[in-house]
Amino acid sequence: MNAVNWFEIPVQDFDRAVNFYEALLQISMERMLFDNVPNALFPYKDGVGGAIAQVPYANAGDEGLLVYLNVSSMEVLDKALAQVENLGGEVLMPKKDIGNPGHIAVIRDTEGNRVGLNVRPGA
């Protein structure tokens, strides 16, 4: 069993946040409503999934949970870090080699959330 089975990144401006993550990670997110709450799902097959959500019970910001999003390759991570500021975000910690778990970086998204990016070894 995984320690985490789902995560939500709270956002105030849903479209801006979806555009940010799609461009940053070079992915397409599935937009849907859950109980009339806008959600955009990060692509996943098995294991942990997650979404950005415009939920009424949480505010975006850098005081809460830090999640690490899977990045498909070092090339995508390097491109993401090079463009994060142009997309309206900020690099808080540049790419760092952490050994067996791979490489990580931490950014602030367009909504003020801290988000980790992780490339696994061999990616």
C-alpha atoms as a PDB file:
ATOM      1  CA  MET A   1       0.000   0.000   0.000  1.00  0.00           C
ATOM      2  CA  ASN A   2       1.221   3.538  -0.802  1.00  0.00           C
ATOM      3  CA  ALA A   3       1.366   6.040   2.050  1.00  0.00           C
ATOM      4  CA  VAL A   4      -0.422   8.512  -0.215  1.00  0.00           C
ATOM      5  CA  ASN A   5      -3.250   7.623  -2.570  1.00  0.00           C
ATOM      6  CA  TRP A   6      -4.372  11.075  -3.771  1.00  0.00           C
ATOM      7  CA  PHE A   7      -3.334  14.695  -3.544  1.00  0.00           C
ATOM      8  CA  GLU A   8      -5.014  17.994  -4.318  1.00  0.00           C
ATOM      9  CA  ILE A   9      -3.299  21.270  -5.043  1.00  0.00           C
ATOM     10  CA  PRO A  10      -5.710  24.101  -4.182  1.00  0.00           C
ATOM     11  CA  VAL A  11      -6.055  26.938  -6.695  1.00  0.00           C
ATOM     12  CA  GLN A  12      -7.954  30.204  -6.939  1.00  0.00           C
ATOM     13  CA  ASP A  13      -7.681  30.713 -10.722  1.00  0.00           C
ATOM     14  CA  PHE A  14      -8.458  27.285 -12.188  1.00  0.00           C
ATOM     15  CA  ASP A  15      -7.718  27.972 -15.870  1.00  0.00           C
ATOM     16  CA  ARG A  16      -4.477  29.802 -15.093  1.00  0.00           C
ATOM     17  CA  ALA A  17      -3.313  26.898 -12.903  1.00  0.00           C
ATOM     18  CA  VAL A  18      -4.236  24.219 -15.478  1.00  0.00           C
ATOM     19  CA  ASN A  19      -2.383  26.137 -18.191  1.00  0.00           C
ATOM     20  CA  PHE A  20       0.647  26.505 -15.892  1.00  0.00           C
ATOM     21  CA  TYR A  21       0.944  22.781 -15.103  1.00  0.00           C
ATOM     22  CA  GLU A  22       0.226  21.616 -18.643  1.00  0.00           C
ATOM     23  CA  ALA A  23       2.944  23.895 -20.041  1.00  0.00           C
ATOM     24  CA  LEU A  24       5.385  23.276 -17.193  1.00  0.00           C
ATOM     25  CA  LEU A  25       5.221  19.465 -17.254  1.00  0.00           C
ATOM     26  CA  GLN A  26       4.370  19.110 -20.972  1.00  0.00           C
ATOM     27  CA  ILE A  27       1.232  17.111 -20.160  1.00  0.00           C
ATOM     28  CA  SER A  28      -2.506  17.241 -20.781  1.00  0.00           C
ATOM     29  CA  MET A  29      -4.786  17.315 -17.767  1.00  0.00           C
ATOM     30  CA  GLU A  30      -8.317  15.950 -17.747  1.00  0.00           C
ATOM     31  CA  ARG A  31     -10.767  18.643 -16.609  1.00  0.00           C
ATOM     32  CA  MET A  32     -13.878  17.569 -14.744  1.00  0.00           C
ATOM     33  CA  LEU A  33     -16.305  18.549 -12.018  1.00  0.00           C
ATOM     34  CA  PHE A  34     -16.523  16.642  -8.739  1.00  0.00           C
ATOM     35  CA  ASP A  35     -19.599  17.762  -6.823  1.00  0.00           C
ATOM     36  CA  ASN A  36     -19.558  21.024  -8.830  1.00  0.00           C
ATOM     37  CA  VAL A  37     -15.886  21.643  -7.919  1.00  0.00           C
ATOM     38  CA  PRO A  38     -13.524  22.181 -10.881  1.00  0.00           C
ATOM     39  CA  ASN A  39     -10.711  19.609 -10.931  1.00  0.00           C
ATOM     40  CA  ALA A  40      -7.945  18.861 -13.427  1.00  0.00           C
ATOM     41  CA  LEU A  41      -6.362  15.439 -13.044  1.00  0.00           C
ATOM     42  CA  PHE A  42      -2.663  14.816 -13.470  1.00  0.00           C
ATOM     43  CA  PRO A  43      -2.111  11.816 -15.775  1.00  0.00           C
ATOM     44  CA  TYR A  44      -1.471   8.553 -13.941  1.00  0.00           C
ATOM     45  CA  LYS A  45      -1.919   4.824 -14.512  1.00  0.00           C
ATOM     46  CA  ASP A  46      -1.426   2.967 -11.246  1.00  0.00           C
ATOM     47  CA  GLY A  47      -0.691   4.123  -7.739  1.00  0.00           C
ATOM     48  CA  VAL A  48      -0.953   7.687  -6.525  1.00  0.00           C
ATOM     49  CA  GLY A  49      -3.070  10.161  -8.445  1.00  0.00           C
ATOM     50  CA  GLY A  50      -3.838  13.783  -7.915  1.00  0.00           C
ATOM     51  CA  ALA A  51      -5.433  16.944  -9.197  1.00  0.00           C
ATOM     52  CA  ILE A  52      -5.540  20.670  -8.972  1.00  0.00           C
ATOM     53  CA  ALA A  53      -8.862  21.718  -7.512  1.00  0.00           C
ATOM     54  CA  GLN A  54     -10.709  24.965  -6.958  1.00  0.00           C
ATOM     55  CA  VAL A  55     -12.064  23.799  -3.602  1.00  0.00           C
ATOM     56  CA  PRO A  56     -13.925  26.079  -1.192  1.00  0.00           C
ATOM     57  CA  TYR A  57     -12.249  24.599   1.890  1.00  0.00           C
ATOM     58  CA  ALA A  58      -8.563  25.271   1.106  1.00  0.00           C
ATOM     59  CA  ASN A  59      -6.480  28.241   0.086  1.00  0.00           C
ATOM     60  CA  ALA A  60      -3.414  28.098  -2.108  1.00  0.00           C
ATOM     61  CA  GLY A  61      -0.141  29.019  -0.495  1.00  0.00           C
ATOM     62  CA  ASP A  62       3.223  27.870   0.723  1.00  0.00           C
ATOM     63  CA  GLU A  63       2.316  26.930   4.290  1.00  0.00           C
ATOM     64  CA  GLY A  64       0.810  23.531   3.591  1.00  0.00           C
ATOM     65  CA  LEU A  65       1.679  20.169   2.221  1.00  0.00           C
ATOM     66  CA  LEU A  66       4.563  19.793  -0.234  1.00  0.00           C
ATOM     67  CA  VAL A  67       3.928  17.208  -2.947  1.00  0.00           C
ATOM     68  CA  TYR A  68       6.460  16.046  -5.508  1.00  0.00           C
ATOM     69  CA  LEU A  69       5.171  15.587  -9.041  1.00  0.00           C
ATOM     70  CA  ASN A  70       6.750  12.970 -11.280  1.00  0.00           C
ATOM     71  CA  VAL A  71       8.614  14.479 -14.225  1.00  0.00           C
ATOM     72  CA  SER A  72       9.180  12.153 -17.170  1.00  0.00           C
ATOM     73  CA  SER A  73      12.821  12.987 -17.914  1.00  0.00           C
ATOM     74  CA  MET A  74      15.770  15.213 -17.062  1.00  0.00           C
ATOM     75  CA  GLU A  75      15.120  17.071 -20.296  1.00  0.00           C
ATOM     76  CA  VAL A  76      11.549  17.904 -19.228  1.00  0.00           C
ATOM     77  CA  LEU A  77      12.767  18.971 -15.755  1.00  0.00           C
ATOM     78  CA  ASP A  78      15.414  21.257 -17.248  1.00  0.00           C
ATOM     79  CA  LYS A  79      12.868  22.790 -19.638  1.00  0.00           C
ATOM     80  CA  ALA A  80      10.359  23.212 -16.809  1.00  0.00           C
ATOM     81  CA  LEU A  81      12.849  25.030 -14.607  1.00  0.00           C
ATOM     82  CA  ALA A  82      13.921  27.234 -17.516  1.00  0.00           C
ATOM     83  CA  GLN A  83      10.352  28.345 -18.211  1.00  0.00           C
ATOM     84  CA  VAL A  84       8.714  28.381 -14.758  1.00  0.00           C
ATOM     85  CA  GLU A  85       9.170  32.140 -14.299  1.00  0.00           C
ATOM     86  CA  ASN A  86       7.836  32.925 -17.787  1.00  0.00           C
ATOM     87  CA  LEU A  87       4.743  30.875 -16.864  1.00  0.00           C
ATOM     88  CA  GLY A  88       4.177  32.977 -13.746  1.00  0.00           C
ATOM     89  CA  GLY A  89       5.877  30.764 -11.152  1.00  0.00           C
ATOM     90  CA  GLU A  90       9.140  30.914  -9.233  1.00  0.00           C
ATOM     91  CA  VAL A  91      12.011  28.485  -8.695  1.00  0.00           C
ATOM     92  CA  LEU A  92      12.491  28.105  -4.934  1.00  0.00           C
ATOM     93  CA  MET A  93      15.152  25.355  -5.084  1.00  0.00           C
ATOM     94  CA  PRO A  94      17.001  24.595  -8.315  1.00  0.00           C
ATOM     95  CA  LYS A  95      17.600  21.042  -9.519  1.00  0.00           C
ATOM     96  CA  LYS A  96      19.470  18.958  -6.971  1.00  0.00           C
ATOM     97  CA  ASP A  97      20.861  15.417  -7.220  1.00  0.00           C
ATOM     98  CA  ILE A  98      19.626  13.427  -4.209  1.00  0.00           C
ATOM     99  CA  GLY A  99      21.137  10.077  -5.161  1.00  0.00           C
ATOM    100  CA  ASN A 100      18.932   7.000  -5.571  1.00  0.00           C
ATOM    101  CA  PRO A 101      15.600   8.921  -5.542  1.00  0.00           C
ATOM    102  CA  GLY A 102      16.876  10.972  -8.502  1.00  0.00           C
ATOM    103  CA  HIS A 103      16.807  14.735  -8.963  1.00  0.00           C
ATOM    104  CA  ILE A 104      14.411  17.200  -7.354  1.00  0.00           C
ATOM    105  CA  ALA A 105      13.532  20.882  -7.552  1.00  0.00           C
ATOM    106  CA  VAL A 106      10.950  22.999  -5.743  1.00  0.00           C
ATOM    107  CA  ILE A 107       8.879  25.720  -7.389  1.00  0.00           C
ATOM    108  CA  ARG A 108       6.081  28.089  -6.432  1.00  0.00           C
ATOM    109  CA  ASP A 109       3.149  27.833  -8.844  1.00  0.00           C
ATOM    110  CA  THR A 110       0.879  30.610 -10.109  1.00  0.00           C
ATOM    111  CA  GLU A 111      -1.392  30.146  -7.087  1.00  0.00           C
ATOM    112  CA  GLY A 112       1.350  30.461  -4.442  1.00  0.00           C
ATOM    113  CA  ASN A 113       1.720  26.720  -3.719  1.00  0.00           C
ATOM    114  CA  ARG A 114       5.122  25.120  -3.178  1.00  0.00           C
ATOM    115  CA  VAL A 115       5.396  22.098  -5.473  1.00  0.00           C
ATOM    116  CA  GLY A 116       8.261  19.625  -5.779  1.00  0.00           C
ATOM    117  CA  LEU A 117       9.356  18.129  -9.089  1.00  0.00           C
ATOM    118  CA  ASN A 118      11.082  14.721  -9.155  1.00  0.00           C
ATOM    119  CA  VAL A 119      12.858  12.781 -11.910  1.00  0.00           C
ATOM    120  CA  ARG A 120      13.608   9.178 -10.954  1.00  0.00           C
ATOM    121  CA  PRO A 121      16.969   7.616 -11.902  1.00  0.00           C
ATOM    122  CA  GLY A 122      17.036   6.320 -15.450  1.00  0.00           C
ATOM    123  CA  ALA A 123      14.261   8.646 -16.627  1.00  0.00           C
END
